[in-house]
Amino acid sequence: MANASERERLTLALENRGNGAILLESSICAFIVLSAFLGNTLLCLSLYKTKEFQVLRPQNSIYIKSLAVSDLLFGALCMSFSFGALIRGKWVFGDAVCQFQGSLMFISVIASLITMTLIAINRYFKICQPINIYRKVYTGVNVKLSIILTWVVSTALVVALFSFTNRPFRFHPGKCNCFLNYAYKSVHLYTLCAYIALCIVTFPLITFCYFKVYIKVREHFAEIAQSEATKQEESRSFINEARITKMLFVTLVAFLVCWTPSVCVDIFEGFHEYHLPRQVYLWQVMIFACSSAINPVIYGFMRKELRIAYKRILTCRL
């Protein structure tokens, strides 16, 4: 009963907003949706249509494309339904769409996390391991299979929720999206176990890989000043890979910065459903959704080649 009354409180708060609040919240959501759509579409076109960004190598660009797709699904598609709910003050799309939105949001988030783990492992092999080992592991087929497996696992983890109930998601009036239906204890327990398992697998791997890369890069730059001219020439490739690694690490940090508030709120939500103020729930979602729009900006800011590609596409000079 307590949860029902708290849910009703959030529902009434959403329905009874003033015009100013509706305009502000829907405008911010619309900005995120448009930024995610335009930015990631521009990024995908740059990777497919231009040669400048091939400095990343085809294997690496596949990971970035996977991240761009997950950002498009979350930021552009899923948040579009939230935009509609913010405008209308309620969920008007029906239960089937609610299950679709909730599923797709979680699939895209899991896929992003696994892909970032694969990127960290890729950077470790590229920077810290001999080139012959890297080439054996990172063939075109292996990289594509890893991405396919990422999306299969992400989808399977979410689809498994439907084995407990045909409605594992329901509209959350605070978040303005379809979130896990904790009325079913099995959904709550499964989600908690899956979340812990993902964190145990991904975060230690990411930490280990980037720590090893940091040590290797620091040692390499310390040797450059003492190396001969020919070795300095050979080190240019290493330096370029180090810069690419830095760019990809920044995208990871941005994801974690946007993700951390969401994790804190969702952990609290698992034990005290609907108890936080509506503004906390809403801005948690908005901040996390920003991670879907920020990656193309980071890539463009840190890579001159991609800035050129962006400019050519925007000026129709491909």
Protein backbone atom coordinates (compact mmCIF):
# COMPACT_ATOMS: atom_id res chain seq x y z
CA MET A 1 0.00 0.00 0.00
CA ALA A 2 2.84 2.39 0.81
CA ASN A 3 4.34 1.90 -2.67
CA ALA A 4 0.92 2.42 -4.27
CA SER A 5 0.45 5.73 -2.47
CA GLU A 6 3.95 6.88 -3.42
CA ARG A 7 3.32 5.92 -7.03
CA GLU A 8 0.07 7.89 -6.96
CA ARG A 9 1.97 10.87 -5.55
CA LEU A 10 4.39 10.81 -8.51
CA THR A 11 1.53 10.30 -10.97
CA LEU A 12 -0.32 13.36 -9.66
CA ALA A 13 2.88 15.41 -9.68
CA LEU A 14 3.42 14.54 -13.35
CA GLU A 15 -0.17 15.27 -14.33
CA ASN A 16 -0.42 18.56 -12.42
CA ARG A 17 2.72 20.31 -13.65
CA GLY A 18 2.51 23.92 -14.72
CA ASN A 19 3.07 24.99 -18.31
CA GLY A 20 6.55 26.25 -17.44
CA ALA A 21 7.64 22.87 -16.07
CA ILE A 22 6.15 21.06 -19.07
CA LEU A 23 7.98 23.37 -21.48
CA LEU A 24 11.32 23.09 -19.65
CA GLU A 25 11.28 19.31 -19.21
CA SER A 26 10.03 18.51 -22.70
CA SER A 27 12.49 20.97 -24.30
CA ILE A 28 15.47 19.38 -22.55
CA CYS A 29 14.26 15.91 -23.51
CA ALA A 30 13.75 17.01 -27.13
CA PHE A 31 17.26 18.48 -27.20
CA ILE A 32 18.73 15.19 -25.97
CA VAL A 33 16.73 13.18 -28.52
CA LEU A 34 17.77 15.42 -31.43
CA SER A 35 21.41 15.58 -30.30
CA ALA A 36 21.62 11.80 -29.95
CA PHE A 37 20.00 11.25 -33.34
CA LEU A 38 21.96 13.85 -35.30
CA GLY A 39 25.29 13.27 -33.54
CA ASN A 40 25.34 9.49 -33.83
CA THR A 41 23.95 9.53 -37.36
CA LEU A 42 26.71 11.95 -38.33
CA LEU A 43 29.27 9.70 -36.62
CA CYS A 44 28.04 6.60 -38.46
CA LEU A 45 28.09 8.41 -41.81
CA SER A 46 31.62 9.61 -41.09
CA LEU A 47 32.80 6.10 -40.34
CA TYR A 48 31.13 4.58 -43.41
CA LYS A 49 31.63 7.30 -46.00
CA THR A 50 34.99 8.91 -45.33
CA LYS A 51 38.57 7.68 -45.36
CA GLU A 52 39.97 10.15 -42.85
CA PHE A 53 38.83 8.22 -39.81
CA GLN A 54 40.34 4.95 -41.00
CA VAL A 55 43.21 5.91 -38.71
CA LEU A 56 41.22 3.87 -36.17
CA ARG A 57 41.55 0.71 -38.29
CA PRO A 58 38.39 -1.15 -39.39
CA GLN A 59 38.45 -3.40 -36.32
CA ASN A 60 38.35 -0.45 -33.92
CA SER A 61 35.71 1.47 -35.85
CA ILE A 62 33.33 -1.49 -35.50
CA TYR A 63 33.29 -0.98 -31.73
CA ILE A 64 32.54 2.72 -32.16
CA LYS A 65 29.72 1.88 -34.59
CA SER A 66 28.25 -0.51 -32.02
CA LEU A 67 28.34 2.23 -29.37
CA ALA A 68 26.73 4.66 -31.81
CA VAL A 69 23.90 2.19 -32.51
CA SER A 70 23.24 1.65 -28.80
CA ASP A 71 23.24 5.43 -28.27
CA LEU A 72 20.78 5.88 -31.13
CA LEU A 73 18.46 3.24 -29.68
CA PHE A 74 18.53 4.73 -26.19
CA GLY A 75 18.88 8.46 -26.76
CA ALA A 76 16.91 8.89 -29.98
CA LEU A 77 14.32 6.09 -29.99
CA CYS A 78 13.59 5.27 -26.34
CA MET A 79 13.72 8.85 -25.12
CA SER A 80 11.26 9.85 -27.85
CA PHE A 81 8.56 7.97 -25.94
CA SER A 82 9.60 9.75 -22.74
CA PHE A 83 9.26 13.04 -24.61
CA GLY A 84 5.68 12.12 -25.50
CA ALA A 85 4.93 11.23 -21.87
CA LEU A 86 6.36 14.54 -20.68
CA ILE A 87 4.17 16.44 -23.14
CA ARG A 88 0.96 14.55 -22.28
CA GLY A 89 1.65 14.10 -18.56
CA LYS A 90 1.03 10.36 -18.77
CA TRP A 91 1.90 7.24 -20.76
CA VAL A 92 -0.30 7.14 -23.86
CA PHE A 93 1.41 4.48 -25.97
CA GLY A 94 -0.06 1.30 -24.50
CA ASP A 95 1.47 -1.64 -22.64
CA ALA A 96 3.10 -3.30 -25.67
CA VAL A 97 5.13 -0.16 -26.43
CA CYS A 98 5.96 0.12 -22.73
CA GLN A 99 7.46 -3.39 -22.76
CA PHE A 100 9.30 -2.49 -25.97
CA GLN A 101 10.76 0.73 -24.58
CA GLY A 102 11.80 -0.82 -21.28
CA SER A 103 13.43 -3.78 -23.01
CA LEU A 104 15.26 -1.65 -25.56
CA MET A 105 16.58 0.74 -22.92
CA PHE A 106 18.13 -2.07 -20.91
CA ILE A 107 19.45 -3.88 -23.99
CA SER A 108 21.22 -0.73 -25.20
CA VAL A 109 22.73 0.01 -21.78
CA ILE A 110 24.05 -3.54 -21.36
CA ALA A 111 25.41 -3.53 -24.92
CA SER A 112 27.19 -0.22 -24.26
CA LEU A 113 28.82 -1.55 -21.10
CA ILE A 114 29.98 -4.79 -22.75
CA THR A 115 31.25 -2.91 -25.82
CA MET A 116 33.28 -0.56 -23.64
CA THR A 117 34.78 -3.59 -21.94
CA LEU A 118 35.71 -5.03 -25.35
CA ILE A 119 37.29 -1.69 -26.28
CA ALA A 120 39.40 -1.76 -23.10
CA ILE A 121 40.56 -5.31 -23.90
CA ASN A 122 41.31 -4.27 -27.49
CA ARG A 123 43.44 -1.34 -26.28
CA TYR A 124 45.32 -3.66 -23.91
CA PHE A 125 46.21 -6.07 -26.71
CA LYS A 126 47.11 -3.25 -29.10
CA ILE A 127 49.34 -1.33 -26.69
CA CYS A 128 50.72 -3.99 -24.37
CA GLN A 129 51.00 -7.16 -26.46
CA PRO A 130 53.23 -8.00 -29.46
CA ILE A 131 51.73 -7.03 -32.81
CA ASN A 132 51.59 -10.64 -34.04
CA ILE A 133 49.39 -11.64 -31.10
CA TYR A 134 47.12 -8.64 -31.68
CA ARG A 135 46.70 -9.55 -35.35
CA LYS A 136 45.87 -13.16 -34.51
CA VAL A 137 43.22 -12.18 -31.99
CA TYR A 138 41.71 -9.15 -33.73
CA THR A 139 40.84 -10.46 -37.14
CA GLY A 140 37.84 -8.94 -38.89
CA VAL A 141 35.79 -12.08 -38.27
CA ASN A 142 36.61 -12.23 -34.55
CA VAL A 143 35.74 -8.57 -34.00
CA LYS A 144 32.42 -8.90 -35.81
CA LEU A 145 31.60 -12.07 -33.86
CA SER A 146 32.35 -10.30 -30.58
CA ILE A 147 29.92 -7.50 -31.46
CA ILE A 148 27.22 -9.97 -32.55
CA LEU A 149 27.71 -11.89 -29.31
CA THR A 150 27.49 -8.64 -27.33
CA TRP A 151 24.06 -7.85 -28.72
CA VAL A 152 22.87 -11.46 -28.41
CA VAL A 153 23.88 -11.61 -24.74
CA SER A 154 22.38 -8.17 -24.03
CA THR A 155 19.10 -9.16 -25.65
CA ALA A 156 19.01 -12.57 -23.95
CA LEU A 157 19.53 -11.03 -20.49
CA VAL A 158 16.52 -8.74 -20.99
CA VAL A 159 14.28 -11.26 -22.76
CA ALA A 160 14.81 -13.60 -19.80
CA LEU A 161 12.73 -11.17 -17.72
CA PHE A 162 9.66 -12.24 -19.68
CA SER A 163 10.02 -15.76 -18.30
CA PHE A 164 8.86 -14.39 -14.93
CA THR A 165 5.94 -12.30 -16.19
CA ASN A 166 4.61 -10.88 -19.44
CA ARG A 167 4.85 -7.39 -17.94
CA PRO A 168 8.36 -7.01 -16.48
CA PHE A 169 8.22 -3.26 -17.19
CA ARG A 170 5.68 -0.62 -16.25
CA PHE A 171 5.50 3.13 -16.63
CA HIS A 172 7.37 4.98 -13.89
CA PRO A 173 5.75 8.42 -13.39
CA GLY A 174 8.93 9.81 -11.86
CA LYS A 175 11.33 8.66 -14.56
CA CYS A 176 8.80 9.19 -17.35
CA ASN A 177 9.84 5.93 -18.96
CA CYS A 178 9.05 2.25 -18.57
CA PHE A 179 11.16 0.79 -15.79
CA LEU A 180 11.40 -2.58 -14.06
CA ASN A 181 8.21 -3.78 -12.43
CA TYR A 182 9.39 -4.48 -8.89
CA ALA A 183 5.90 -5.65 -7.92
CA TYR A 184 7.27 -9.03 -9.06
CA LYS A 185 9.97 -10.13 -6.61
CA SER A 186 11.45 -12.50 -9.19
CA VAL A 187 12.06 -9.54 -11.53
CA HIS A 188 13.78 -7.65 -8.72
CA LEU A 189 15.97 -10.62 -7.72
CA TYR A 190 16.93 -11.49 -11.30
CA THR A 191 17.82 -7.89 -12.11
CA LEU A 192 19.94 -7.57 -8.98
CA CYS A 193 21.87 -10.78 -9.77
CA ALA A 194 22.37 -9.82 -13.42
CA TYR A 195 23.59 -6.35 -12.43
CA ILE A 196 26.08 -7.72 -9.90
CA ALA A 197 27.35 -10.30 -12.41
CA LEU A 198 27.86 -7.65 -15.10
CA CYS A 199 29.74 -5.38 -12.70
CA ILE A 200 31.94 -8.21 -11.44
CA VAL A 201 32.92 -9.15 -15.00
CA THR A 202 33.24 -5.75 -16.67
CA PHE A 203 34.69 -3.28 -14.17
CA PRO A 204 37.72 -5.33 -13.04
CA LEU A 205 38.55 -6.04 -16.71
CA ILE A 206 38.25 -2.39 -17.69
CA THR A 207 40.35 -1.28 -14.71
CA PHE A 208 43.06 -3.87 -15.35
CA CYS A 209 43.30 -3.13 -19.08
CA TYR A 210 43.48 0.64 -18.83
CA PHE A 211 45.91 0.46 -15.90
CA LYS A 212 48.26 -1.75 -17.93
CA VAL A 213 47.89 0.58 -20.92
CA TYR A 214 48.70 3.60 -18.74
CA ILE A 215 51.87 1.94 -17.43
CA LYS A 216 52.98 0.93 -20.93
CA VAL A 217 52.35 4.38 -22.41
CA ARG A 218 54.19 6.10 -19.57
CA GLU A 219 57.21 3.82 -20.02
CA HIS A 220 57.19 4.36 -23.77
CA PHE A 221 57.15 8.15 -23.58
CA ALA A 222 59.97 8.02 -21.04
CA GLU A 223 62.09 6.14 -23.60
CA ILE A 224 61.34 8.43 -26.55
CA ALA A 225 63.75 11.17 -25.51
CA GLN A 226 66.62 8.68 -25.41
CA SER A 227 65.76 6.82 -28.61
CA GLU A 228 67.40 7.21 -32.00
CA ALA A 229 65.73 9.01 -34.90
CA THR A 230 64.73 5.74 -36.55
CA LYS A 231 63.11 4.51 -33.37
CA GLN A 232 61.35 7.83 -32.98
CA GLU A 233 59.91 7.28 -36.45
CA GLU A 234 58.72 3.83 -35.42
CA SER A 235 57.14 5.23 -32.27
CA ARG A 236 54.75 7.48 -34.21
CA SER A 237 52.36 4.58 -34.71
CA PHE A 238 52.47 3.82 -31.00
CA ILE A 239 51.82 7.47 -30.13
CA ASN A 240 48.83 7.55 -32.45
CA GLU A 241 47.40 4.41 -30.86
CA ALA A 242 47.96 5.97 -27.43
CA ARG A 243 45.97 9.03 -28.49
CA ILE A 244 43.15 6.86 -29.79
CA THR A 245 43.19 4.98 -26.49
CA LYS A 246 42.96 8.29 -24.62
CA MET A 247 39.92 9.28 -26.69
CA LEU A 248 38.17 5.97 -26.04
CA PHE A 249 39.01 6.19 -22.34
CA VAL A 250 37.41 9.65 -22.19
CA THR A 251 34.20 8.18 -23.65
CA LEU A 252 34.26 5.56 -20.90
CA VAL A 253 34.70 8.23 -18.22
CA ALA A 254 31.84 10.27 -19.70
CA PHE A 255 29.62 7.18 -19.68
CA LEU A 256 30.45 6.44 -16.04
CA VAL A 257 29.89 10.06 -14.97
CA CYS A 258 26.43 10.00 -16.55
CA TRP A 259 25.72 6.47 -15.34
CA THR A 260 26.73 6.82 -11.67
CA PRO A 261 23.75 8.97 -10.54
CA SER A 262 21.42 6.54 -12.30
CA VAL A 263 22.97 3.56 -10.55
CA CYS A 264 22.66 5.21 -7.14
CA VAL A 265 19.00 6.09 -7.69
CA ASP A 266 18.16 2.65 -9.12
CA ILE A 267 19.81 0.85 -6.19
CA PHE A 268 17.76 2.96 -3.79
CA GLU A 269 14.67 2.34 -5.93
CA GLY A 270 15.15 -1.41 -5.61
CA PHE A 271 14.57 -1.17 -1.85
CA HIS A 272 12.35 1.94 -1.57
CA GLU A 273 10.25 2.09 -4.72
CA TYR A 274 8.78 5.49 -5.70
CA HIS A 275 10.01 7.22 -2.51
CA LEU A 276 12.25 9.89 -4.07
CA PRO A 277 11.03 13.27 -5.38
CA ARG A 278 9.89 13.28 -9.00
CA GLN A 279 12.64 15.74 -9.96
CA VAL A 280 15.33 13.34 -8.73
CA TYR A 281 13.96 10.51 -10.86
CA LEU A 282 13.54 12.71 -13.92
CA TRP A 283 16.95 14.36 -13.88
CA GLN A 284 18.61 11.02 -13.20
CA VAL A 285 17.17 9.80 -16.50
CA MET A 286 18.04 13.03 -18.31
CA ILE A 287 21.65 12.95 -17.12
CA PHE A 288 22.05 9.34 -18.15
CA ALA A 289 20.47 10.03 -21.54
CA CYS A 290 23.11 12.71 -22.11
CA SER A 291 25.67 9.91 -22.41
CA SER A 292 23.94 8.92 -25.66
CA ALA A 293 24.59 12.34 -27.18
CA ILE A 294 28.06 13.15 -25.89
CA ASN A 295 30.25 10.56 -27.64
CA PRO A 296 30.17 12.15 -31.14
CA VAL A 297 31.19 15.45 -29.52
CA ILE A 298 34.13 13.80 -27.74
CA TYR A 299 35.32 12.08 -30.92
CA GLY A 300 35.11 15.31 -32.89
CA PHE A 301 36.88 17.31 -30.19
CA MET A 302 39.76 14.86 -29.81
CA ARG A 303 40.31 13.73 -33.43
CA LYS A 304 41.04 16.24 -36.18
CA GLU A 305 40.31 13.60 -38.83
CA LEU A 306 36.77 13.20 -37.58
CA ARG A 307 36.20 16.94 -37.38
CA ILE A 308 37.11 17.11 -41.08
CA ALA A 309 34.72 14.25 -41.82
CA TYR A 310 31.91 15.99 -39.92
CA LYS A 311 32.51 19.21 -41.83
CA ARG A 312 32.49 17.46 -45.21
CA ILE A 313 29.23 15.69 -44.48
CA LEU A 314 27.53 18.82 -43.14
CA THR A 315 28.64 20.82 -46.18
CA CYS A 316 27.77 17.98 -48.61
CA ARG A 317 31.37 17.69 -49.85
CA LEU A 318 31.86 13.92 -49.53
